[in-house]
Amino acid sequence: MTHKDILGNTINEGDNAVYPHHNRMKVGSIKKITPKMVMIQSVGRTYTDRKYPHEILVVDDPKISLYILKNSK
């Protein structure tokens, strides 16, 4: 099963992504892909958020990777 993000990029497990959460933007990594939704774990948290694929933006930037390494517990 393949899902596409808001810009049409393919979403894969382990990708880094940004997504909305209430009134904020969070950075996380894709943990699991289900038939309808994507499970994404925010940086520094143990729980996962469920989001529809069109709510996620997959990013492949060294700055995001550095942010994740710096802020992970």
PDB file of N, CA and C in Angstrom:
ATOM      1  N   MET A   1       0.852  -1.167   0.000  1.00  0.00           N
ATOM      2  CA  MET A   1       0.000   0.000   0.000  1.00  0.00           C
ATOM      3  C   MET A   1       0.898   1.230   0.000  1.00  0.00           C
ATOM      4  N   THR A   2       0.591   2.171  -0.839  1.00  0.00           N
ATOM      5  CA  THR A   2       1.386   3.401  -0.914  1.00  0.00           C
ATOM      6  C   THR A   2       0.492   4.593  -0.630  1.00  0.00           C
ATOM      7  N   HIS A   3       1.008   5.467   0.190  1.00  0.00           N
ATOM      8  CA  HIS A   3       0.325   6.716   0.487  1.00  0.00           C
ATOM      9  C   HIS A   3       1.181   7.865  -0.038  1.00  0.00           C
ATOM     10  N   LYS A   4       0.534   8.956  -0.367  1.00  0.00           N
ATOM     11  CA  LYS A   4       1.225  10.158  -0.841  1.00  0.00           C
ATOM     12  C   LYS A   4       0.994  11.283   0.162  1.00  0.00           C
ATOM     13  N   ASP A   5       2.017  12.134   0.378  1.00  0.00           N
ATOM     14  CA  ASP A   5       1.859  13.278   1.278  1.00  0.00           C
ATOM     15  C   ASP A   5       1.176  14.429   0.553  1.00  0.00           C
ATOM     16  N   ILE A   6       1.162  15.584   1.162  1.00  0.00           N
ATOM     17  CA  ILE A   6       0.434  16.740   0.633  1.00  0.00           C
ATOM     18  C   ILE A   6       0.989  17.213  -0.717  1.00  0.00           C
ATOM     19  N   LEU A   7       2.273  16.945  -0.979  1.00  0.00           N
ATOM     20  CA  LEU A   7       2.881  17.347  -2.242  1.00  0.00           C
ATOM     21  C   LEU A   7       2.992  16.204  -3.251  1.00  0.00           C
ATOM     22  N   GLY A   8       2.507  15.026  -2.880  1.00  0.00           N
ATOM     23  CA  GLY A   8       2.546  13.901  -3.792  1.00  0.00           C
ATOM     24  C   GLY A   8       3.746  12.996  -3.640  1.00  0.00           C
ATOM     25  N   ASN A   9       4.581  13.224  -2.622  1.00  0.00           N
ATOM     26  CA  ASN A   9       5.723  12.352  -2.367  1.00  0.00           C
ATOM     27  C   ASN A   9       5.243  11.069  -1.696  1.00  0.00           C
ATOM     28  N   THR A  10       5.909   9.969  -1.988  1.00  0.00           N
ATOM     29  CA  THR A  10       5.559   8.689  -1.385  1.00  0.00           C
ATOM     30  C   THR A  10       5.984   8.671   0.074  1.00  0.00           C
ATOM     31  N   ILE A  11       5.093   8.165   0.947  1.00  0.00           N
ATOM     32  CA  ILE A  11       5.375   8.052   2.377  1.00  0.00           C
ATOM     33  C   ILE A  11       5.841   6.628   2.654  1.00  0.00           C
ATOM     34  N   ASN A  12       7.013   6.501   3.297  1.00  0.00           N
ATOM     35  CA  ASN A  12       7.569   5.201   3.665  1.00  0.00           C
ATOM     36  C   ASN A  12       7.835   5.174   5.163  1.00  0.00           C
ATOM     37  N   GLU A  13       7.847   3.989   5.743  1.00  0.00           N
ATOM     38  CA  GLU A  13       8.184   3.855   7.162  1.00  0.00           C
ATOM     39  C   GLU A  13       9.624   4.315   7.380  1.00  0.00           C
ATOM     40  N   GLY A  14       9.841   5.068   8.453  1.00  0.00           N
ATOM     41  CA  GLY A  14      11.169   5.578   8.770  1.00  0.00           C
ATOM     42  C   GLY A  14      11.456   6.962   8.216  1.00  0.00           C
ATOM     43  N   ASP A  15      10.583   7.494   7.361  1.00  0.00           N
ATOM     44  CA  ASP A  15      10.777   8.845   6.826  1.00  0.00           C
ATOM     45  C   ASP A  15      10.566   9.889   7.912  1.00  0.00           C
ATOM     46  N   ASN A  16      11.260  11.006   7.785  1.00  0.00           N
ATOM     47  CA  ASN A  16      11.035  12.152   8.658  1.00  0.00           C
ATOM     48  C   ASN A  16       9.946  13.008   8.037  1.00  0.00           C
ATOM     49  N   ALA A  17       9.085  13.568   8.888  1.00  0.00           N
ATOM     50  CA  ALA A  17       7.961  14.335   8.368  1.00  0.00           C
ATOM     51  C   ALA A  17       7.558  15.415   9.364  1.00  0.00           C
ATOM     52  N   VAL A  18       6.865  16.425   8.860  1.00  0.00           N
ATOM     53  CA  VAL A  18       6.231  17.439   9.706  1.00  0.00           C
ATOM     54  C   VAL A  18       4.726  17.293   9.542  1.00  0.00           C
ATOM     55  N   TYR A  19       3.995  17.611  10.629  1.00  0.00           N
ATOM     56  CA  TYR A  19       2.548  17.445  10.608  1.00  0.00           C
ATOM     57  C   TYR A  19       1.909  18.379  11.610  1.00  0.00           C
ATOM     58  N   PRO A  20       0.639  18.738  11.399  1.00  0.00           N
ATOM     59  CA  PRO A  20      -0.048  19.617  12.348  1.00  0.00           C
ATOM     60  C   PRO A  20      -0.548  18.826  13.556  1.00  0.00           C
ATOM     61  N   HIS A  21      -0.496  19.473  14.712  1.00  0.00           N
ATOM     62  CA  HIS A  21      -1.042  18.895  15.940  1.00  0.00           C
ATOM     63  C   HIS A  21      -1.676  20.034  16.721  1.00  0.00           C
ATOM     64  N   HIS A  22      -2.993  20.045  16.769  1.00  0.00           N
ATOM     65  CA  HIS A  22      -3.779  21.136  17.341  1.00  0.00           C
ATOM     66  C   HIS A  22      -3.418  22.429  16.626  1.00  0.00           C
ATOM     67  N   ASN A  23      -2.752  23.342  17.289  1.00  0.00           N
ATOM     68  CA  ASN A  23      -2.435  24.625  16.672  1.00  0.00           C
ATOM     69  C   ASN A  23      -0.929  24.777  16.457  1.00  0.00           C
ATOM     70  N   ARG A  24      -0.214  23.661  16.381  1.00  0.00           N
ATOM     71  CA  ARG A  24       1.234  23.684  16.258  1.00  0.00           C
ATOM     72  C   ARG A  24       1.695  22.771  15.130  1.00  0.00           C
ATOM     73  N   MET A  25       2.954  22.874  14.801  1.00  0.00           N
ATOM     74  CA  MET A  25       3.560  21.971  13.833  1.00  0.00           C
ATOM     75  C   MET A  25       4.565  21.109  14.576  1.00  0.00           C
ATOM     76  N   LYS A  26       4.528  19.794  14.346  1.00  0.00           N
ATOM     77  CA  LYS A  26       5.445  18.878  15.006  1.00  0.00           C
ATOM     78  C   LYS A  26       6.319  18.185  13.975  1.00  0.00           C
ATOM     79  N   VAL A  27       7.487  17.763  14.444  1.00  0.00           N
ATOM     80  CA  VAL A  27       8.429  17.013  13.626  1.00  0.00           C
ATOM     81  C   VAL A  27       8.468  15.598  14.176  1.00  0.00           C
ATOM     82  N   GLY A  28       8.433  14.618  13.305  1.00  0.00           N
ATOM     83  CA  GLY A  28       8.464  13.238  13.766  1.00  0.00           C
ATOM     84  C   GLY A  28       8.901  12.291  12.674  1.00  0.00           C
ATOM     85  N   SER A  29       8.822  11.010  12.994  1.00  0.00           N
ATOM     86  CA  SER A  29       9.171   9.996  12.011  1.00  0.00           C
ATOM     87  C   SER A  29       8.014   9.010  11.858  1.00  0.00           C
ATOM     88  N   ILE A  30       7.861   8.489  10.662  1.00  0.00           N
ATOM     89  CA  ILE A  30       6.783   7.566  10.338  1.00  0.00           C
ATOM     90  C   ILE A  30       7.106   6.206  10.957  1.00  0.00           C
ATOM     91  N   LYS A  31       6.207   5.694  11.785  1.00  0.00           N
ATOM     92  CA  LYS A  31       6.416   4.408  12.441  1.00  0.00           C
ATOM     93  C   LYS A  31       5.659   3.272  11.771  1.00  0.00           C
ATOM     94  N   LYS A  32       4.447   3.538  11.298  1.00  0.00           N
ATOM     95  CA  LYS A  32       3.638   2.475  10.707  1.00  0.00           C
ATOM     96  C   LYS A  32       2.681   3.086   9.703  1.00  0.00           C
ATOM     97  N   ILE A  33       2.400   2.334   8.648  1.00  0.00           N
ATOM     98  CA  ILE A  33       1.449   2.773   7.633  1.00  0.00           C
ATOM     99  C   ILE A  33       0.296   1.777   7.625  1.00  0.00           C
ATOM    100  N   THR A  34      -0.908   2.272   7.856  1.00  0.00           N
ATOM    101  CA  THR A  34      -2.098   1.439   7.833  1.00  0.00           C
ATOM    102  C   THR A  34      -2.862   1.729   6.541  1.00  0.00           C
ATOM    103  N   PRO A  35      -3.904   0.959   6.223  1.00  0.00           N
ATOM    104  CA  PRO A  35      -4.620   1.207   4.968  1.00  0.00           C
ATOM    105  C   PRO A  35      -5.208   2.614   4.840  1.00  0.00           C
ATOM    106  N   LYS A  36      -5.609   3.229   5.956  1.00  0.00           N
ATOM    107  CA  LYS A  36      -6.212   4.554   5.890  1.00  0.00           C
ATOM    108  C   LYS A  36      -5.310   5.664   6.410  1.00  0.00           C
ATOM    109  N   MET A  37      -4.556   5.382   7.466  1.00  0.00           N
ATOM    110  CA  MET A  37      -3.827   6.424   8.173  1.00  0.00           C
ATOM    111  C   MET A  37      -2.353   6.085   8.300  1.00  0.00           C
ATOM    112  N   VAL A  38      -1.615   7.074   8.808  1.00  0.00           N
ATOM    113  CA  VAL A  38      -0.184   6.924   9.037  1.00  0.00           C
ATOM    114  C   VAL A  38       0.070   7.186  10.513  1.00  0.00           C
ATOM    115  N   MET A  39       0.833   6.294  11.144  1.00  0.00           N
ATOM    116  CA  MET A  39       1.214   6.466  12.544  1.00  0.00           C
ATOM    117  C   MET A  39       2.563   7.176  12.565  1.00  0.00           C
ATOM    118  N   ILE A  40       2.615   8.315  13.242  1.00  0.00           N
ATOM    119  CA  ILE A  40       3.828   9.126  13.274  1.00  0.00           C
ATOM    120  C   ILE A  40       4.184   9.443  14.719  1.00  0.00           C
ATOM    121  N   GLN A  41       5.452   9.303  15.064  1.00  0.00           N
ATOM    122  CA  GLN A  41       5.922   9.547  16.425  1.00  0.00           C
ATOM    123  C   GLN A  41       6.698  10.853  16.454  1.00  0.00           C
ATOM    124  N   SER A  42       6.253  11.742  17.321  1.00  0.00           N
ATOM    125  CA  SER A  42       6.884  13.048  17.457  1.00  0.00           C
ATOM    126  C   SER A  42       8.244  12.913  18.135  1.00  0.00           C
ATOM    127  N   VAL A  43       9.118  13.859  17.883  1.00  0.00           N
ATOM    128  CA  VAL A  43      10.450  13.857  18.477  1.00  0.00           C
ATOM    129  C   VAL A  43      10.322  14.028  19.985  1.00  0.00           C
ATOM    130  N   GLY A  44      10.972  13.152  20.731  1.00  0.00           N
ATOM    131  CA  GLY A  44      10.978  13.247  22.183  1.00  0.00           C
ATOM    132  C   GLY A  44       9.766  12.643  22.864  1.00  0.00           C
ATOM    133  N   ARG A  45       8.855  12.037  22.131  1.00  0.00           N
ATOM    134  CA  ARG A  45       7.649  11.434  22.707  1.00  0.00           C
ATOM    135  C   ARG A  45       7.671   9.932  22.495  1.00  0.00           C
ATOM    136  N   THR A  46       6.885   9.216  23.316  1.00  0.00           N
ATOM    137  CA  THR A  46       6.804   7.768  23.167  1.00  0.00           C
ATOM    138  C   THR A  46       5.523   7.332  22.474  1.00  0.00           C
ATOM    139  N   TYR A  47       4.521   8.193  22.442  1.00  0.00           N
ATOM    140  CA  TYR A  47       3.257   7.834  21.813  1.00  0.00           C
ATOM    141  C   TYR A  47       3.277   8.225  20.338  1.00  0.00           C
ATOM    142  N   THR A  48       2.329   7.651  19.589  1.00  0.00           N
ATOM    143  CA  THR A  48       2.224   7.977  18.173  1.00  0.00           C
ATOM    144  C   THR A  48       0.925   8.725  17.920  1.00  0.00           C
ATOM    145  N   ASP A  49       0.943   9.566  16.919  1.00  0.00           N
ATOM    146  CA  ASP A  49      -0.250  10.278  16.451  1.00  0.00           C
ATOM    147  C   ASP A  49      -0.695   9.619  15.154  1.00  0.00           C
ATOM    148  N   ARG A  50      -2.006   9.533  14.965  1.00  0.00           N
ATOM    149  CA  ARG A  50      -2.555   9.005  13.716  1.00  0.00           C
ATOM    150  C   ARG A  50      -2.980  10.177  12.848  1.00  0.00           C
ATOM    151  N   LYS A  51      -2.479  10.234  11.649  1.00  0.00           N
ATOM    152  CA  LYS A  51      -2.795  11.311  10.716  1.00  0.00           C
ATOM    153  C   LYS A  51      -3.138  10.721   9.360  1.00  0.00           C
ATOM    154  N   TYR A  52      -3.993  11.418   8.641  1.00  0.00           N
ATOM    155  CA  TYR A  52      -4.262  11.042   7.263  1.00  0.00           C
ATOM    156  C   TYR A  52      -3.055  11.430   6.413  1.00  0.00           C
ATOM    157  N   PRO A  53      -2.791  10.704   5.346  1.00  0.00           N
ATOM    158  CA  PRO A  53      -1.607  10.997   4.526  1.00  0.00           C
ATOM    159  C   PRO A  53      -1.572  12.414   3.960  1.00  0.00           C
ATOM    160  N   HIS A  54      -2.732  12.994   3.643  1.00  0.00           N
ATOM    161  CA  HIS A  54      -2.726  14.338   3.065  1.00  0.00           C
ATOM    162  C   HIS A  54      -2.428  15.425   4.102  1.00  0.00           C
ATOM    163  N   GLU A  55      -2.270  15.071   5.381  1.00  0.00           N
ATOM    164  CA  GLU A  55      -1.914  16.031   6.430  1.00  0.00           C
ATOM    165  C   GLU A  55      -0.415  16.053   6.711  1.00  0.00           C
ATOM    166  N   ILE A  56       0.338  15.189   6.072  1.00  0.00           N
ATOM    167  CA  ILE A  56       1.762  15.021   6.361  1.00  0.00           C
ATOM    168  C   ILE A  56       2.601  15.576   5.218  1.00  0.00           C
ATOM    169  N   LEU A  57       3.771  16.117   5.572  1.00  0.00           N
ATOM    170  CA  LEU A  57       4.750  16.534   4.571  1.00  0.00           C
ATOM    171  C   LEU A  57       6.063  15.830   4.884  1.00  0.00           C
ATOM    172  N   VAL A  58       6.483  14.955   3.992  1.00  0.00           N
ATOM    173  CA  VAL A  58       7.745  14.234   4.150  1.00  0.00           C
ATOM    174  C   VAL A  58       8.881  15.192   3.810  1.00  0.00           C
ATOM    175  N   VAL A  59       9.865  15.293   4.713  1.00  0.00           N
ATOM    176  CA  VAL A  59      11.009  16.185   4.493  1.00  0.00           C
ATOM    177  C   VAL A  59      12.293  15.364   4.525  1.00  0.00           C
ATOM    178  N   ASP A  60      13.174  15.675   3.631  1.00  0.00           N
ATOM    179  CA  ASP A  60      14.477  15.016   3.565  1.00  0.00           C
ATOM    180  C   ASP A  60      15.525  16.119   3.555  1.00  0.00           C
ATOM    181  N   ASP A  61      15.777  16.662   4.739  1.00  0.00           N
ATOM    182  CA  ASP A  61      16.692  17.787   4.881  1.00  0.00           C
ATOM    183  C   ASP A  61      17.656  17.491   6.025  1.00  0.00           C
ATOM    184  N   PRO A  62      18.938  17.746   5.862  1.00  0.00           N
ATOM    185  CA  PRO A  62      19.887  17.498   6.953  1.00  0.00           C
ATOM    186  C   PRO A  62      19.563  18.299   8.222  1.00  0.00           C
ATOM    187  N   LYS A  63      18.940  19.462   8.077  1.00  0.00           N
ATOM    188  CA  LYS A  63      18.594  20.265   9.255  1.00  0.00           C
ATOM    189  C   LYS A  63      17.540  19.562  10.105  1.00  0.00           C
ATOM    190  N   ILE A  64      16.582  18.900   9.468  1.00  0.00           N
ATOM    191  CA  ILE A  64      15.556  18.154  10.200  1.00  0.00           C
ATOM    192  C   ILE A  64      16.190  16.966  10.907  1.00  0.00           C
ATOM    193  N   SER A  65      17.105  16.282  10.240  1.00  0.00           N
ATOM    194  CA  SER A  65      17.792  15.150  10.867  1.00  0.00           C
ATOM    195  C   SER A  65      18.589  15.607  12.083  1.00  0.00           C
ATOM    196  N   LEU A  66      19.241  16.745  11.976  1.00  0.00           N
ATOM    197  CA  LEU A  66      19.997  17.294  13.105  1.00  0.00           C
ATOM    198  C   LEU A  66      19.057  17.678  14.238  1.00  0.00           C
ATOM    199  N   TYR A  67      17.907  18.262  13.923  1.00  0.00           N
ATOM    200  CA  TYR A  67      16.915  18.609  14.945  1.00  0.00           C
ATOM    201  C   TYR A  67      16.435  17.361  15.684  1.00  0.00           C
ATOM    202  N   ILE A  68      16.182  16.290  14.949  1.00  0.00           N
ATOM    203  CA  ILE A  68      15.715  15.050  15.568  1.00  0.00           C
ATOM    204  C   ILE A  68      16.787  14.465  16.479  1.00  0.00           C
ATOM    205  N   LEU A  69      18.032  14.443  16.025  1.00  0.00           N
ATOM    206  CA  LEU A  69      19.119  13.929  16.862  1.00  0.00           C
ATOM    207  C   LEU A  69      19.316  14.781  18.115  1.00  0.00           C
ATOM    208  N   LYS A  70      19.192  16.089  17.972  1.00  0.00           N
ATOM    209  CA  LYS A  70      19.420  16.988  19.104  1.00  0.00           C
ATOM    210  C   LYS A  70      18.309  16.901  20.138  1.00  0.00           C
ATOM    211  N   ASN A  71      17.069  16.715  19.725  1.00  0.00           N
ATOM    212  CA  ASN A  71      15.932  16.783  20.640  1.00  0.00           C
ATOM    213  C   ASN A  71      15.342  15.439  21.029  1.00  0.00           C
ATOM    214  N   SER A  72      15.887  14.348  20.550  1.00  0.00           N
ATOM    215  CA  SER A  72      15.354  13.037  20.944  1.00  0.00           C
ATOM    216  C   SER A  72      15.890  12.668  22.324  1.00  0.00           C
ATOM    217  N   LYS A  73      15.071  11.895  23.032  1.00  0.00           N
ATOM    218  CA  LYS A  73      15.460  11.522  24.397  1.00  0.00           C
ATOM    219  C   LYS A  73      16.198  10.216  24.407  1.00  0.00           C
TER     220      LYS A  73
END
